[in-house]
PDB file of N, CA and C in Angstrom:
ATOM      1  N   MET A   1       0.839  -1.182   0.000  1.00  0.00           N
ATOM      2  CA  MET A   1       0.000   0.000   0.000  1.00  0.00           C
ATOM      3  C   MET A   1       0.883   1.244   0.000  1.00  0.00           C
ATOM      4  N   GLN A   2       0.515   2.172  -0.858  1.00  0.00           N
ATOM      5  CA  GLN A   2       1.282   3.395  -0.930  1.00  0.00           C
ATOM      6  C   GLN A   2       0.592   4.532  -0.223  1.00  0.00           C
ATOM      7  N   ALA A   3       1.369   5.452   0.225  1.00  0.00           N
ATOM      8  CA  ALA A   3       0.910   6.741   0.724  1.00  0.00           C
ATOM      9  C   ALA A   3       2.047   7.706   0.459  1.00  0.00           C
ATOM     10  N   ARG A   4       1.699   8.870  -0.041  1.00  0.00           N
ATOM     11  CA  ARG A   4       2.712   9.861  -0.364  1.00  0.00           C
ATOM     12  C   ARG A   4       2.330  11.211   0.223  1.00  0.00           C
ATOM     13  N   PRO A   5       2.423  11.316   1.536  1.00  0.00           N
ATOM     14  CA  PRO A   5       2.103  12.626   2.120  1.00  0.00           C
ATOM     15  C   PRO A   5       3.180  13.643   1.747  1.00  0.00           C
ATOM     16  N   VAL A   6       2.734  14.814   1.346  1.00  0.00           N
ATOM     17  CA  VAL A   6       3.637  15.907   0.996  1.00  0.00           C
ATOM     18  C   VAL A   6       3.799  16.839   2.192  1.00  0.00           C
ATOM     19  N   TRP A   7       2.719  17.030   2.917  1.00  0.00           N
ATOM     20  CA  TRP A   7       2.729  17.882   4.093  1.00  0.00           C
ATOM     21  C   TRP A   7       2.096  17.123   5.243  1.00  0.00           C
ATOM     22  N   VAL A   8       2.843  16.951   6.326  1.00  0.00           N
ATOM     23  CA  VAL A   8       2.356  16.292   7.529  1.00  0.00           C
ATOM     24  C   VAL A   8       2.435  17.298   8.672  1.00  0.00           C
ATOM     25  N   ASP A   9       1.310  17.484   9.348  1.00  0.00           N
ATOM     26  CA  ASP A   9       1.229  18.385  10.492  1.00  0.00           C
ATOM     27  C   ASP A   9       0.824  17.550  11.703  1.00  0.00           C
ATOM     28  N   THR A  10       0.621  18.164  12.831  1.00  0.00           N
ATOM     29  CA  THR A  10       0.176  17.433  14.020  1.00  0.00           C
ATOM     30  C   THR A  10      -1.055  18.104  14.607  1.00  0.00           C
ATOM     31  N   VAL A  11      -1.848  17.311  15.329  1.00  0.00           N
ATOM     32  CA  VAL A  11      -2.944  17.830  16.146  1.00  0.00           C
ATOM     33  C   VAL A  11      -2.902  17.096  17.475  1.00  0.00           C
ATOM     34  N   VAL A  12      -3.489  17.703  18.479  1.00  0.00           N
ATOM     35  CA  VAL A  12      -3.668  17.040  19.765  1.00  0.00           C
ATOM     36  C   VAL A  12      -5.045  16.398  19.738  1.00  0.00           C
ATOM     37  N   ALA A  13      -5.087  15.094  19.967  1.00  0.00           N
ATOM     38  CA  ALA A  13      -6.355  14.363  19.913  1.00  0.00           C
ATOM     39  C   ALA A  13      -7.264  14.790  21.057  1.00  0.00           C
ATOM     40  N   THR A  14      -8.486  15.204  20.724  1.00  0.00           N
ATOM     41  CA  THR A  14      -9.482  15.538  21.747  1.00  0.00           C
ATOM     42  C   THR A  14     -10.516  14.422  21.886  1.00  0.00           C
ATOM     43  N   THR A  15     -10.427  13.426  21.013  1.00  0.00           N
ATOM     44  CA  THR A  15     -11.179  12.174  21.113  1.00  0.00           C
ATOM     45  C   THR A  15     -10.206  11.068  20.735  1.00  0.00           C
ATOM     46  N   GLU A  16     -10.552   9.829  20.980  1.00  0.00           N
ATOM     47  CA  GLU A  16      -9.691   8.737  20.508  1.00  0.00           C
ATOM     48  C   GLU A  16      -9.714   8.721  18.996  1.00  0.00           C
ATOM     49  N   ILE A  17      -8.543   8.550  18.423  1.00  0.00           N
ATOM     50  CA  ILE A  17      -8.395   8.568  16.968  1.00  0.00           C
ATOM     51  C   ILE A  17      -7.780   7.249  16.532  1.00  0.00           C
ATOM     52  N   THR A  18      -8.324   6.677  15.475  1.00  0.00           N
ATOM     53  CA  THR A  18      -7.790   5.431  14.930  1.00  0.00           C
ATOM     54  C   THR A  18      -6.857   5.733  13.758  1.00  0.00           C
ATOM     55  N   GLU A  19      -5.979   4.789  13.492  1.00  0.00           N
ATOM     56  CA  GLU A  19      -5.039   4.930  12.376  1.00  0.00           C
ATOM     57  C   GLU A  19      -5.798   5.131  11.067  1.00  0.00           C
ATOM     58  N   TYR A  20      -5.330   6.074  10.270  1.00  0.00           N
ATOM     59  CA  TYR A  20      -5.877   6.417   8.951  1.00  0.00           C
ATOM     60  C   TYR A  20      -7.284   6.993   9.010  1.00  0.00           C
ATOM     61  N   ALA A  21      -7.633   7.614  10.137  1.00  0.00           N
ATOM     62  CA  ALA A  21      -8.937   8.254  10.285  1.00  0.00           C
ATOM     63  C   ALA A  21      -8.869   9.711   9.847  1.00  0.00           C
ATOM     64  N   PRO A  22      -9.881  10.202   9.144  1.00  0.00           N
ATOM     65  CA  PRO A  22      -9.946  11.635   8.850  1.00  0.00           C
ATOM     66  C   PRO A  22     -10.232  12.408  10.137  1.00  0.00           C
ATOM     67  N   VAL A  23      -9.502  13.496  10.333  1.00  0.00           N
ATOM     68  CA  VAL A  23      -9.628  14.279  11.566  1.00  0.00           C
ATOM     69  C   VAL A  23      -9.842  15.754  11.259  1.00  0.00           C
ATOM     70  N   THR A  24     -10.372  16.453  12.259  1.00  0.00           N
ATOM     71  CA  THR A  24     -10.632  17.881  12.144  1.00  0.00           C
ATOM     72  C   THR A  24      -9.446  18.672  12.688  1.00  0.00           C
ATOM     73  N   TYR A  25      -9.513  19.979  12.522  1.00  0.00           N
ATOM     74  CA  TYR A  25      -8.459  20.857  13.030  1.00  0.00           C
ATOM     75  C   TYR A  25      -8.382  20.830  14.548  1.00  0.00           C
ATOM     76  N   ASP A  26      -9.505  20.517  15.212  1.00  0.00           N
ATOM     77  CA  ASP A  26      -9.491  20.499  16.671  1.00  0.00           C
ATOM     78  C   ASP A  26      -9.296  19.099  17.251  1.00  0.00           C
ATOM     79  N   GLY A  27      -8.810  18.154  16.436  1.00  0.00           N
ATOM     80  CA  GLY A  27      -8.394  16.854  16.947  1.00  0.00           C
ATOM     81  C   GLY A  27      -9.492  15.837  17.168  1.00  0.00           C
ATOM     82  N   LYS A  28     -10.603  15.968  16.453  1.00  0.00           N
ATOM     83  CA  LYS A  28     -11.700  15.012  16.566  1.00  0.00           C
ATOM     84  C   LYS A  28     -11.811  14.171  15.296  1.00  0.00           C
ATOM     85  N   LEU A  29     -12.497  13.025  15.406  1.00  0.00           N
ATOM     86  CA  LEU A  29     -12.834  12.262  14.206  1.00  0.00           C
ATOM     87  C   LEU A  29     -13.775  13.117  13.375  1.00  0.00           C
ATOM     88  N   ALA A  30     -13.511  13.197  12.076  1.00  0.00           N
ATOM     89  CA  ALA A  30     -14.313  14.030  11.194  1.00  0.00           C
ATOM     90  C   ALA A  30     -15.619  13.335  10.805  1.00  0.00           C
ATOM     91  N   THR A  31     -16.656  14.140  10.599  1.00  0.00           N
ATOM     92  CA  THR A  31     -17.927  13.668  10.054  1.00  0.00           C
ATOM     93  C   THR A  31     -18.119  14.320   8.688  1.00  0.00           C
ATOM     94  N   ASP A  32     -19.178  13.929   7.984  1.00  0.00           N
ATOM     95  CA  ASP A  32     -19.387  14.479   6.650  1.00  0.00           C
ATOM     96  C   ASP A  32     -19.685  15.978   6.653  1.00  0.00           C
ATOM     97  N   SER A  33     -20.037  16.536   7.808  1.00  0.00           N
ATOM     98  CA  SER A  33     -20.341  17.966   7.867  1.00  0.00           C
ATOM     99  C   SER A  33     -19.166  18.799   8.389  1.00  0.00           C
ATOM    100  N   CYS A  34     -18.016  18.173   8.634  1.00  0.00           N
ATOM    101  CA  CYS A  34     -16.837  18.866   9.174  1.00  0.00           C
ATOM    102  C   CYS A  34     -15.878  19.275   8.069  1.00  0.00           C
ATOM    103  N   VAL A  35     -15.075  20.265   8.389  1.00  0.00           N
ATOM    104  CA  VAL A  35     -13.920  20.559   7.553  1.00  0.00           C
ATOM    105  C   VAL A  35     -12.812  19.620   8.011  1.00  0.00           C
ATOM    106  N   VAL A  36     -12.277  18.842   7.084  1.00  0.00           N
ATOM    107  CA  VAL A  36     -11.255  17.843   7.399  1.00  0.00           C
ATOM    108  C   VAL A  36      -9.879  18.469   7.290  1.00  0.00           C
ATOM    109  N   LYS A  37      -9.084  18.343   8.344  1.00  0.00           N
ATOM    110  CA  LYS A  37      -7.692  18.810   8.286  1.00  0.00           C
ATOM    111  C   LYS A  37      -6.857  17.839   7.462  1.00  0.00           C
ATOM    112  N   GLY A  38      -7.025  16.537   7.722  1.00  0.00           N
ATOM    113  CA  GLY A  38      -6.257  15.518   7.023  1.00  0.00           C
ATOM    114  C   GLY A  38      -6.536  14.154   7.621  1.00  0.00           C
ATOM    115  N   VAL A  39      -5.602  13.242   7.402  1.00  0.00           N
ATOM    116  CA  VAL A  39      -5.764  11.850   7.836  1.00  0.00           C
ATOM    117  C   VAL A  39      -4.675  11.497   8.841  1.00  0.00           C
ATOM    118  N   ALA A  40      -5.110  11.024  10.013  1.00  0.00           N
ATOM    119  CA  ALA A  40      -4.169  10.602  11.055  1.00  0.00           C
ATOM    120  C   ALA A  40      -3.319   9.449  10.534  1.00  0.00           C
ATOM    121  N   GLN A  41      -2.039   9.480  10.815  1.00  0.00           N
ATOM    122  CA  GLN A  41      -1.147   8.429  10.333  1.00  0.00           C
ATOM    123  C   GLN A  41      -0.953   7.307  11.343  1.00  0.00           C
ATOM    124  N   THR A  42      -1.359   7.542  12.574  1.00  0.00           N
ATOM    125  CA  THR A  42      -1.319   6.524  13.629  1.00  0.00           C
ATOM    126  C   THR A  42      -2.551   6.717  14.499  1.00  0.00           C
ATOM    127  N   SER A  43      -2.795   5.778  15.384  1.00  0.00           N
ATOM    128  CA  SER A  43      -3.881   5.967  16.346  1.00  0.00           C
ATOM    129  C   SER A  43      -3.376   6.843  17.490  1.00  0.00           C
ATOM    130  N   ALA A  44      -4.331   7.424  18.229  1.00  0.00           N
ATOM    131  CA  ALA A  44      -3.949   8.302  19.330  1.00  0.00           C
ATOM    132  C   ALA A  44      -5.029   8.289  20.401  1.00  0.00           C
ATOM    133  N   ALA A  45      -4.588   8.358  21.650  1.00  0.00           N
ATOM    134  CA  ALA A  45      -5.505   8.512  22.783  1.00  0.00           C
ATOM    135  C   ALA A  45      -5.747  10.002  22.999  1.00  0.00           C
ATOM    136  N   ILE A  46      -6.761  10.310  23.792  1.00  0.00           N
ATOM    137  CA  ILE A  46      -7.057  11.703  24.109  1.00  0.00           C
ATOM    138  C   ILE A  46      -5.806  12.358  24.705  1.00  0.00           C
ATOM    139  N   ASN A  47      -5.511  13.557  24.234  1.00  0.00           N
ATOM    140  CA  ASN A  47      -4.370  14.393  24.625  1.00  0.00           C
ATOM    141  C   ASN A  47      -3.041  13.965  24.014  1.00  0.00           C
ATOM    142  N   ASP A  48      -3.013  12.893  23.223  1.00  0.00           N
ATOM    143  CA  ASP A  48      -1.796  12.534  22.486  1.00  0.00           C
ATOM    144  C   ASP A  48      -1.678  13.403  21.242  1.00  0.00           C
ATOM    145  N   THR A  49      -0.456  13.643  20.811  1.00  0.00           N
ATOM    146  CA  THR A  49      -0.208  14.323  19.555  1.00  0.00           C
ATOM    147  C   THR A  49      -0.148  13.277  18.455  1.00  0.00           C
ATOM    148  N   VAL A  50      -0.791  13.563  17.338  1.00  0.00           N
ATOM    149  CA  VAL A  50      -0.836  12.608  16.236  1.00  0.00           C
ATOM    150  C   VAL A  50      -0.446  13.313  14.936  1.00  0.00           C
ATOM    151  N   ALA A  51       0.370  12.636  14.121  1.00  0.00           N
ATOM    152  CA  ALA A  51       0.753  13.151  12.804  1.00  0.00           C
ATOM    153  C   ALA A  51      -0.434  13.021  11.854  1.00  0.00           C
ATOM    154  N   VAL A  52      -0.675  14.076  11.084  1.00  0.00           N
ATOM    155  CA  VAL A  52      -1.812  14.129  10.169  1.00  0.00           C
ATOM    156  C   VAL A  52      -1.309  14.502   8.780  1.00  0.00           C
ATOM    157  N   ALA A  53      -1.574  13.630   7.798  1.00  0.00           N
ATOM    158  CA  ALA A  53      -1.253  13.950   6.405  1.00  0.00           C
ATOM    159  C   ALA A  53      -2.276  14.983   5.934  1.00  0.00           C
ATOM    160  N   VAL A  54      -1.794  16.155   5.529  1.00  0.00           N
ATOM    161  CA  VAL A  54      -2.663  17.255   5.131  1.00  0.00           C
ATOM    162  C   VAL A  54      -2.723  17.385   3.612  1.00  0.00           C
ATOM    163  N   LEU A  55      -1.644  17.104   2.947  1.00  0.00           N
ATOM    164  CA  LEU A  55      -1.559  17.245   1.501  1.00  0.00           C
ATOM    165  C   LEU A  55      -0.794  16.058   0.944  1.00  0.00           C
ATOM    166  N   GLY A  56      -1.169  15.613  -0.229  1.00  0.00           N
ATOM    167  CA  GLY A  56      -0.553  14.445  -0.843  1.00  0.00           C
ATOM    168  C   GLY A  56      -1.535  13.304  -0.844  1.00  0.00           C
ATOM    169  N   SER A  57      -1.105  12.120  -0.401  1.00  0.00           N
ATOM    170  CA  SER A  57      -2.024  10.986  -0.306  1.00  0.00           C
ATOM    171  C   SER A  57      -1.797  10.246   0.999  1.00  0.00           C
ATOM    172  N   SER A  58      -2.817   9.485   1.379  1.00  0.00           N
ATOM    173  CA  SER A  58      -2.760   8.716   2.615  1.00  0.00           C
ATOM    174  C   SER A  58      -3.604   7.466   2.439  1.00  0.00           C
ATOM    175  N   GLN A  59      -3.366   6.500   3.270  1.00  0.00           N
ATOM    176  CA  GLN A  59      -4.240   5.336   3.346  1.00  0.00           C
ATOM    177  C   GLN A  59      -5.496   5.731   4.106  1.00  0.00           C
ATOM    178  N   VAL A  60      -6.628   5.132   3.742  1.00  0.00           N
ATOM    179  CA  VAL A  60      -7.890   5.300   4.470  1.00  0.00           C
ATOM    180  C   VAL A  60      -8.630   3.969   4.434  1.00  0.00           C
ATOM    181  N   PHE A  61      -9.460   3.734   5.441  1.00  0.00           N
ATOM    182  CA  PHE A  61     -10.329   2.559   5.448  1.00  0.00           C
ATOM    183  C   PHE A  61     -11.677   2.973   4.884  1.00  0.00           C
ATOM    184  N   ILE A  62     -12.240   2.138   3.996  1.00  0.00           N
ATOM    185  CA  ILE A  62     -13.504   2.473   3.342  1.00  0.00           C
ATOM    186  C   ILE A  62     -14.636   1.569   3.835  1.00  0.00           C
ATOM    187  N   THR A  63     -15.841   2.133   3.866  1.00  0.00           N
ATOM    188  CA  THR A  63     -17.000   1.381   4.359  1.00  0.00           C
ATOM    189  C   THR A  63     -17.858   0.817   3.240  1.00  0.00           C
ATOM    190  N   GLU A  64     -17.553   1.176   2.001  1.00  0.00           N
ATOM    191  CA  GLU A  64     -18.301   0.675   0.851  1.00  0.00           C
ATOM    192  C   GLU A  64     -17.372   0.604  -0.355  1.00  0.00           C
ATOM    193  N   ALA A  65     -17.792  -0.122  -1.371  1.00  0.00           N
ATOM    194  CA  ALA A  65     -16.970  -0.247  -2.577  1.00  0.00           C
ATOM    195  C   ALA A  65     -16.807   1.122  -3.237  1.00  0.00           C
ATOM    196  N   VAL A  66     -15.586   1.391  -3.689  1.00  0.00           N
ATOM    197  CA  VAL A  66     -15.299   2.629  -4.415  1.00  0.00           C
ATOM    198  C   VAL A  66     -14.485   2.289  -5.653  1.00  0.00           C
ATOM    199  N   VAL A  67     -14.526   3.197  -6.613  1.00  0.00           N
ATOM    200  CA  VAL A  67     -13.673   3.072  -7.793  1.00  0.00           C
ATOM    201  C   VAL A  67     -12.746   4.277  -7.833  1.00  0.00           C
ATOM    202  N   ALA A  68     -11.612   4.117  -8.468  1.00  0.00           N
ATOM    203  CA  ALA A  68     -10.641   5.203  -8.575  1.00  0.00           C
ATOM    204  C   ALA A  68     -11.336   6.451  -9.108  1.00  0.00           C
ATOM    205  N   GLY A  69     -11.116   7.568  -8.428  1.00  0.00           N
ATOM    206  CA  GLY A  69     -11.706   8.833  -8.830  1.00  0.00           C
ATOM    207  C   GLY A  69     -12.913   9.243  -8.016  1.00  0.00           C
ATOM    208  N   ASP A  70     -13.520   8.304  -7.279  1.00  0.00           N
ATOM    209  CA  ASP A  70     -14.671   8.660  -6.437  1.00  0.00           C
ATOM    210  C   ASP A  70     -14.261   9.678  -5.383  1.00  0.00           C
ATOM    211  N   LEU A  71     -15.118  10.665  -5.159  1.00  0.00           N
ATOM    212  CA  LEU A  71     -14.925  11.585  -4.038  1.00  0.00           C
ATOM    213  C   LEU A  71     -15.258  10.864  -2.753  1.00  0.00           C
ATOM    214  N   LEU A  72     -14.509  11.162  -1.703  1.00  0.00           N
ATOM    215  CA  LEU A  72     -14.685  10.498  -0.413  1.00  0.00           C
ATOM    216  C   LEU A  72     -15.007  11.514   0.670  1.00  0.00           C
ATOM    217  N   GLU A  73     -15.825  11.065   1.646  1.00  0.00           N
ATOM    218  CA  GLU A  73     -16.127  11.882   2.810  1.00  0.00           C
ATOM    219  C   GLU A  73     -16.007  11.022   4.058  1.00  0.00           C
ATOM    220  N   PRO A  74     -15.718  11.635   5.210  1.00  0.00           N
ATOM    221  CA  PRO A  74     -15.639  10.858   6.453  1.00  0.00           C
ATOM    222  C   PRO A  74     -17.026  10.396   6.871  1.00  0.00           C
ATOM    223  N   ASP A  75     -17.059   9.266   7.583  1.00  0.00           N
ATOM    224  CA  ASP A  75     -18.355   8.763   8.058  1.00  0.00           C
ATOM    225  C   ASP A  75     -18.547   8.965   9.550  1.00  0.00           C
ATOM    226  N   GLY A  76     -17.581   9.564  10.244  1.00  0.00           N
ATOM    227  CA  GLY A  76     -17.709   9.837  11.672  1.00  0.00           C
ATOM    228  C   GLY A  76     -17.205   8.727  12.578  1.00  0.00           C
ATOM    229  N   THR A  77     -16.796   7.588  11.981  1.00  0.00           N
ATOM    230  CA  THR A  77     -16.295   6.463  12.786  1.00  0.00           C
ATOM    231  C   THR A  77     -14.813   6.220  12.569  1.00  0.00           C
ATOM    232  N   GLY A  78     -14.153   7.095  11.810  1.00  0.00           N
ATOM    233  CA  GLY A  78     -12.740   6.900  11.502  1.00  0.00           C
ATOM    234  C   GLY A  78     -12.517   6.283  10.132  1.00  0.00           C
ATOM    235  N   LYS A  79     -13.596   6.067   9.403  1.00  0.00           N
ATOM    236  CA  LYS A  79     -13.514   5.503   8.048  1.00  0.00           C
ATOM    237  C   LYS A  79     -14.115   6.496   7.070  1.00  0.00           C
ATOM    238  N   VAL A  80     -14.049   6.151   5.776  1.00  0.00           N
ATOM    239  CA  VAL A  80     -14.611   7.027   4.751  1.00  0.00           C
ATOM    240  C   VAL A  80     -15.581   6.251   3.867  1.00  0.00           C
ATOM    241  N   ARG A  81     -16.409   7.025   3.166  1.00  0.00           N
ATOM    242  CA  ARG A  81     -17.380   6.470   2.212  1.00  0.00           C
ATOM    243  C   ARG A  81     -17.434   7.400   1.013  1.00  0.00           C
ATOM    244  N   LYS A  82     -18.148   6.987  -0.027  1.00  0.00           N
ATOM    245  CA  LYS A  82     -18.342   7.859  -1.181  1.00  0.00           C
ATOM    246  C   LYS A  82     -19.073   9.116  -0.727  1.00  0.00           C
ATOM    247  N   ALA A  83     -18.638  10.251  -1.244  1.00  0.00           N
ATOM    248  CA  ALA A  83     -19.276  11.511  -0.887  1.00  0.00           C
ATOM    249  C   ALA A  83     -20.660  11.591  -1.520  1.00  0.00           C
ATOM    250  N   ALA A  84     -21.607  12.090  -0.743  1.00  0.00           N
ATOM    251  CA  ALA A  84     -22.978  12.217  -1.235  1.00  0.00           C
ATOM    252  C   ALA A  84     -23.078  13.313  -2.298  1.00  0.00           C
ATOM    253  N   GLY A  85     -22.272  14.344  -2.176  1.00  0.00           N
ATOM    254  CA  GLY A  85     -22.293  15.442  -3.143  1.00  0.00           C
ATOM    255  C   GLY A  85     -20.929  15.615  -3.782  1.00  0.00           C
ATOM    256  N   ASP A  86     -20.584  16.868  -4.034  1.00  0.00           N
ATOM    257  CA  ASP A  86     -19.295  17.143  -4.668  1.00  0.00           C
ATOM    258  C   ASP A  86     -18.333  17.842  -3.714  1.00  0.00           C
ATOM    259  N   ALA A  87     -18.483  17.594  -2.405  1.00  0.00           N
ATOM    260  CA  ALA A  87     -17.642  18.271  -1.408  1.00  0.00           C
ATOM    261  C   ALA A  87     -16.773  17.294  -0.627  1.00  0.00           C
ATOM    262  N   GLY A  88     -16.253  16.290  -1.253  1.00  0.00           N
ATOM    263  CA  GLY A  88     -15.382  15.345  -0.558  1.00  0.00           C
ATOM    264  C   GLY A  88     -14.047  15.957  -0.189  1.00  0.00           C
ATOM    265  N   PHE A  89     -13.362  15.320   0.756  1.00  0.00           N
ATOM    266  CA  PHE A  89     -12.045  15.815   1.178  1.00  0.00           C
ATOM    267  C   PHE A  89     -10.911  15.074   0.470  1.00  0.00           C
ATOM    268  N   ALA A  90     -11.254  14.012  -0.282  1.00  0.00           N
ATOM    269  CA  ALA A  90     -10.234  13.192  -0.952  1.00  0.00           C
ATOM    270  C   ALA A  90     -10.868  12.464  -2.137  1.00  0.00           C
ATOM    271  N   ARG A  91     -10.005  11.912  -2.994  1.00  0.00           N
ATOM    272  CA  ARG A  91     -10.451  11.055  -4.098  1.00  0.00           C
ATOM    273  C   ARG A  91      -9.785   9.700  -3.956  1.00  0.00           C
ATOM    274  N   ALA A  92     -10.557   8.668  -4.232  1.00  0.00           N
ATOM    275  CA  ALA A  92      -9.990   7.318  -4.229  1.00  0.00           C
ATOM    276  C   ALA A  92      -8.956   7.230  -5.346  1.00  0.00           C
ATOM    277  N   ASN A  93      -7.777   6.751  -5.026  1.00  0.00           N
ATOM    278  CA  ASN A  93      -6.726   6.591  -6.023  1.00  0.00           C
ATOM    279  C   ASN A  93      -6.698   5.165  -6.565  1.00  0.00           C
ATOM    280  N   ARG A  94      -7.448   4.288  -5.939  1.00  0.00           N
ATOM    281  CA  ARG A  94      -7.527   2.881  -6.336  1.00  0.00           C
ATOM    282  C   ARG A  94      -8.963   2.405  -6.134  1.00  0.00           C
ATOM    283  N   ASN A  95      -9.334   1.338  -6.821  1.00  0.00           N
ATOM    284  CA  ASN A  95     -10.602   0.668  -6.541  1.00  0.00           C
ATOM    285  C   ASN A  95     -10.467  -0.039  -5.205  1.00  0.00           C
ATOM    286  N   GLY A  96     -11.580  -0.211  -4.500  1.00  0.00           N
ATOM    287  CA  GLY A  96     -11.544  -0.918  -3.230  1.00  0.00           C
ATOM    288  C   GLY A  96     -12.905  -1.477  -2.870  1.00  0.00           C
ATOM    289  N   THR A  97     -12.898  -2.525  -2.062  1.00  0.00           N
ATOM    290  CA  THR A  97     -14.138  -3.125  -1.591  1.00  0.00           C
ATOM    291  C   THR A  97     -14.366  -2.734  -0.137  1.00  0.00           C
ATOM    292  N   ALA A  98     -15.606  -2.819   0.289  1.00  0.00           N
ATOM    293  CA  ALA A  98     -15.986  -2.433   1.646  1.00  0.00           C
ATOM    294  C   ALA A  98     -15.106  -3.142   2.676  1.00  0.00           C
ATOM    295  N   GLY A  99     -14.658  -2.385   3.682  1.00  0.00           N
ATOM    296  CA  GLY A  99     -13.861  -2.944   4.762  1.00  0.00           C
ATOM    297  C   GLY A  99     -12.378  -3.034   4.478  1.00  0.00           C
ATOM    298  N   THR A 100     -11.928  -2.515   3.336  1.00  0.00           N
ATOM    299  CA  THR A 100     -10.500  -2.578   3.011  1.00  0.00           C
ATOM    300  C   THR A 100      -9.871  -1.187   3.137  1.00  0.00           C
ATOM    301  N   ARG A 101      -8.583  -1.140   2.913  1.00  0.00           N
ATOM    302  CA  ARG A 101      -7.810   0.100   2.977  1.00  0.00           C
ATOM    303  C   ARG A 101      -7.333   0.429   1.577  1.00  0.00           C
ATOM    304  N   ILE A 102      -7.446   1.699   1.201  1.00  0.00           N
ATOM    305  CA  ILE A 102      -6.974   2.143  -0.103  1.00  0.00           C
ATOM    306  C   ILE A 102      -6.160   3.427   0.056  1.00  0.00           C
ATOM    307  N   GLU A 103      -5.506   3.824  -1.008  1.00  0.00           N
ATOM    308  CA  GLU A 103      -4.829   5.120  -1.044  1.00  0.00           C
ATOM    309  C   GLU A 103      -5.833   6.164  -1.522  1.00  0.00           C
ATOM    310  N   ALA A 104      -5.845   7.307  -0.850  1.00  0.00           N
ATOM    311  CA  ALA A 104      -6.704   8.423  -1.220  1.00  0.00           C
ATOM    312  C   ALA A 104      -5.857   9.672  -1.432  1.00  0.00           C
ATOM    313  N   VAL A 105      -6.169  10.412  -2.479  1.00  0.00           N
ATOM    314  CA  VAL A 105      -5.482  11.666  -2.753  1.00  0.00           C
ATOM    315  C   VAL A 105      -6.233  12.765  -2.005  1.00  0.00           C
ATOM    316  N   LEU A 106      -5.526  13.466  -1.112  1.00  0.00           N
ATOM    317  CA  LEU A 106      -6.146  14.489  -0.276  1.00  0.00           C
ATOM    318  C   LEU A 106      -6.348  15.775  -1.075  1.00  0.00           C
ATOM    319  N   LEU A 107      -7.526  16.350  -0.943  1.00  0.00           N
ATOM    320  CA  LEU A 107      -7.888  17.570  -1.673  1.00  0.00           C
ATOM    321  C   LEU A 107      -7.888  18.756  -0.718  1.00  0.00           C
ATOM    322  N   PRO A 108      -7.273  19.859  -1.089  1.00  0.00           N
ATOM    323  CA  PRO A 108      -7.310  21.043  -0.228  1.00  0.00           C
ATOM    324  C   PRO A 108      -8.736  21.576  -0.142  1.00  0.00           C
ATOM    325  N   ARG A 109      -9.170  21.920   1.066  1.00  0.00           N
ATOM    326  CA  ARG A 109     -10.509  22.488   1.270  1.00  0.00           C
ATOM    327  C   ARG A 109     -10.425  23.710   2.131  1.00  0.00           C
TER     328      ARG A 109
END
């Protein structure tokens, strides 16, 4: 599995964060209505600092089948799904089946 983060920043986790989960600027798991800072590169407990891929690509866990190019949005559980509209935070870089991990290209928002 590839990931090519170009810019990695950190956040302090304000909730438990799982590896490859989309996160917000304030350190929470992102939902479809949040602005996503990036994707956590490791898991983190509350008050831990976690590296977040902000630009480039990262691995993500998907909850449904996707094809390369699909827009992705967080589902609020640390995974991603196809975006309902055109406001996703990333694009699938590979095809994937539900419950697997794929590479996603992070989109600036």
